[in-house]
C-alpha atoms as a PDB file:
ATOM      1  CA  MET A   1     -19.322  -8.454 -76.948  1.00  0.00           C
ATOM      2  CA  LYS A   2     -21.262  -7.262 -79.848  1.00  0.00           C
ATOM      3  CA  ILE A   3     -22.768  -3.612 -79.537  1.00  0.00           C
ATOM      4  CA  THR A   4     -25.876  -3.390 -81.385  1.00  0.00           C
ATOM      5  CA  ARG A   5     -27.154  -0.253 -83.389  1.00  0.00           C
ATOM      6  CA  GLU A   6     -30.094  -0.148 -81.068  1.00  0.00           C
ATOM      7  CA  GLN A   7     -27.705   0.240 -78.080  1.00  0.00           C
ATOM      8  CA  VAL A   8     -25.714   3.035 -79.984  1.00  0.00           C
ATOM      9  CA  ALA A   9     -28.984   4.864 -80.581  1.00  0.00           C
ATOM     10  CA  ARG A  10     -29.906   4.511 -76.986  1.00  0.00           C
ATOM     11  CA  ILE A  11     -26.592   5.951 -75.810  1.00  0.00           C
ATOM     12  CA  ALA A  12     -27.115   8.837 -78.371  1.00  0.00           C
ATOM     13  CA  ASP A  13     -30.157   9.629 -77.211  1.00  0.00           C
ATOM     14  CA  LEU A  14     -29.174   9.709 -73.646  1.00  0.00           C
ATOM     15  CA  ALA A  15     -26.313  11.883 -74.667  1.00  0.00           C
ATOM     16  CA  ARG A  16     -28.693  14.103 -76.718  1.00  0.00           C
ATOM     17  CA  LEU A  17     -26.875  13.505 -79.708  1.00  0.00           C
ATOM     18  CA  GLU A  18     -28.557  13.312 -83.182  1.00  0.00           C
ATOM     19  CA  LEU A  19     -26.675  10.610 -85.402  1.00  0.00           C
ATOM     20  CA  LYS A  20     -27.292   9.633 -88.865  1.00  0.00           C
ATOM     21  CA  GLU A  21     -27.599   5.960 -89.633  1.00  0.00           C
ATOM     22  CA  GLU A  22     -24.210   5.583 -91.249  1.00  0.00           C
ATOM     23  CA  LYS A  23     -22.630   7.060 -87.898  1.00  0.00           C
ATOM     24  CA  ILE A  24     -24.683   4.681 -85.762  1.00  0.00           C
ATOM     25  CA  GLU A  25     -23.435   1.672 -87.957  1.00  0.00           C
ATOM     26  CA  LYS A  26     -19.863   2.977 -87.625  1.00  0.00           C
ATOM     27  CA  PHE A  27     -19.958   3.600 -83.983  1.00  0.00           C
ATOM     28  CA  ALA A  28     -21.669   0.279 -83.230  1.00  0.00           C
ATOM     29  CA  LEU A  29     -18.533  -1.238 -85.130  1.00  0.00           C
ATOM     30  CA  GLN A  30     -15.961   0.859 -83.397  1.00  0.00           C
ATOM     31  CA  PHE A  31     -17.689   0.215 -79.776  1.00  0.00           C
ATOM     32  CA  SER A  32     -17.587  -3.612 -80.503  1.00  0.00           C
ATOM     33  CA  GLN A  33     -14.110  -3.493 -81.436  1.00  0.00           C
ATOM     34  CA  ILE A  34     -13.059  -1.571 -78.233  1.00  0.00           C
ATOM     35  CA  ILE A  35     -15.151  -3.892 -75.958  1.00  0.00           C
ATOM     36  CA  GLY A  36     -13.349  -6.917 -77.901  1.00  0.00           C
ATOM     37  CA  TYR A  37      -9.910  -5.409 -77.222  1.00  0.00           C
ATOM     38  CA  MET A  38     -10.653  -4.945 -73.269  1.00  0.00           C
ATOM     39  CA  ASP A  39     -12.089  -8.363 -73.218  1.00  0.00           C
ATOM     40  CA  LYS A  40      -8.784  -9.690 -74.848  1.00  0.00           C
ATOM     41  CA  MET A  41      -6.762  -7.564 -72.159  1.00  0.00           C
ATOM     42  CA  ASN A  42      -8.971  -9.132 -69.333  1.00  0.00           C
ATOM     43  CA  SER A  43      -7.860 -12.568 -70.450  1.00  0.00           C
ATOM     44  CA  LEU A  44      -4.218 -11.992 -70.072  1.00  0.00           C
ATOM     45  CA  ASP A  45      -2.669 -13.536 -66.909  1.00  0.00           C
ATOM     46  CA  THR A  46      -1.321 -10.650 -64.925  1.00  0.00           C
ATOM     47  CA  THR A  47      -0.268 -12.644 -61.754  1.00  0.00           C
ATOM     48  CA  GLY A  48       2.777 -11.011 -60.051  1.00  0.00           C
ATOM     49  CA  VAL A  49       2.612  -7.973 -62.279  1.00  0.00           C
ATOM     50  CA  GLU A  50       2.765  -4.951 -60.101  1.00  0.00           C
ATOM     51  CA  PRO A  51       0.294  -2.194 -60.998  1.00  0.00           C
ATOM     52  CA  LEU A  52       2.007   0.920 -62.390  1.00  0.00           C
ATOM     53  CA  TYR A  53       0.765   4.467 -61.993  1.00  0.00           C
ATOM     54  CA  SER A  54       2.628   5.171 -65.427  1.00  0.00           C
ATOM     55  CA  PRO A  55       4.334   3.140 -67.818  1.00  0.00           C
ATOM     56  CA  SER A  56       7.362   5.554 -67.885  1.00  0.00           C
ATOM     57  CA  ASP A  57       9.390   7.019 -65.086  1.00  0.00           C
ATOM     58  CA  ASN A  58       8.218  10.409 -64.686  1.00  0.00           C
ATOM     59  CA  THR A  59      10.405  12.466 -62.534  1.00  0.00           C
ATOM     60  CA  SER A  60       9.466  15.927 -61.423  1.00  0.00           C
ATOM     61  CA  VAL A  61      11.736  18.687 -62.258  1.00  0.00           C
ATOM     62  CA  MET A  62       9.471  21.222 -60.256  1.00  0.00           C
ATOM     63  CA  ARG A  63       9.814  22.256 -56.709  1.00  0.00           C
ATOM     64  CA  GLU A  64       8.209  20.604 -53.973  1.00  0.00           C
ATOM     65  CA  ASP A  65       4.508  21.685 -53.431  1.00  0.00           C
ATOM     66  CA  VAL A  66       4.889  23.256 -49.957  1.00  0.00           C
ATOM     67  CA  ALA A  67       2.371  25.735 -48.626  1.00  0.00           C
ATOM     68  CA  GLY A  68       3.966  28.872 -47.266  1.00  0.00           C
ATOM     69  CA  ASN A  69       3.913  32.571 -46.929  1.00  0.00           C
ATOM     70  CA  ASN A  70       6.295  33.669 -49.565  1.00  0.00           C
ATOM     71  CA  PHE A  71       5.001  37.223 -50.212  1.00  0.00           C
ATOM     72  CA  ARG A  72       4.898  40.424 -48.295  1.00  0.00           C
ATOM     73  CA  ARG A  73       1.479  42.302 -47.983  1.00  0.00           C
ATOM     74  CA  GLU A  74       3.145  45.481 -49.193  1.00  0.00           C
ATOM     75  CA  ASP A  75       4.356  43.515 -52.454  1.00  0.00           C
ATOM     76  CA  LEU A  76       0.912  42.128 -53.153  1.00  0.00           C
ATOM     77  CA  LEU A  77      -1.022  45.377 -52.544  1.00  0.00           C
ATOM     78  CA  SER A  78       1.498  47.309 -54.891  1.00  0.00           C
ATOM     79  CA  ASN A  79      -0.444  45.578 -57.752  1.00  0.00           C
ATOM     80  CA  ALA A  80      -3.883  46.657 -56.775  1.00  0.00           C
ATOM     81  CA  PRO A  81      -5.395  49.751 -58.447  1.00  0.00           C
ATOM     82  CA  VAL A  82      -6.973  50.852 -55.017  1.00  0.00           C
ATOM     83  CA  GLN A  83      -5.937  49.812 -51.675  1.00  0.00           C
ATOM     84  CA  ASP A  84      -5.844  51.321 -48.158  1.00  0.00           C
ATOM     85  CA  GLY A  85      -2.306  49.983 -47.175  1.00  0.00           C
ATOM     86  CA  GLN A  86      -3.913  46.727 -45.642  1.00  0.00           C
ATOM     87  CA  TYR A  87      -6.755  45.521 -47.966  1.00  0.00           C
ATOM     88  CA  PHE A  88      -7.802  45.766 -51.595  1.00  0.00           C
ATOM     89  CA  ILE A  89     -10.393  48.304 -52.083  1.00  0.00           C
ATOM     90  CA  VAL A  90     -13.203  47.032 -54.628  1.00  0.00           C
ATOM     91  CA  PRO A  91     -16.658  48.572 -55.423  1.00  0.00           C
ATOM     92  CA  LYS A  92     -19.756  47.640 -53.618  1.00  0.00           C
ATOM     93  CA  ILE A  93     -21.944  45.278 -55.376  1.00  0.00           C
ATOM     94  CA  LEU A  94     -25.613  45.512 -54.095  1.00  0.00           C
END
């Protein structure tokens, strides 16, 4: 599929971009190449190929993401500039 310079100019206008003529021509060519590559990919026979989340085996070395109460109130309040033993004290904003 060929992308025309008018289509590129319209896309630039919608994105509120000001492009010079040479950039419009360059982008039209690049967009056409990208669309051509996607058409080529769509023509491949992928019957029997399982979809992948990622082409590499990503194993997480991090801990499980489990919600929990791992902090004591006193520890958290100890970092506050002003507190009353139970809550953070902040200035009023009206």
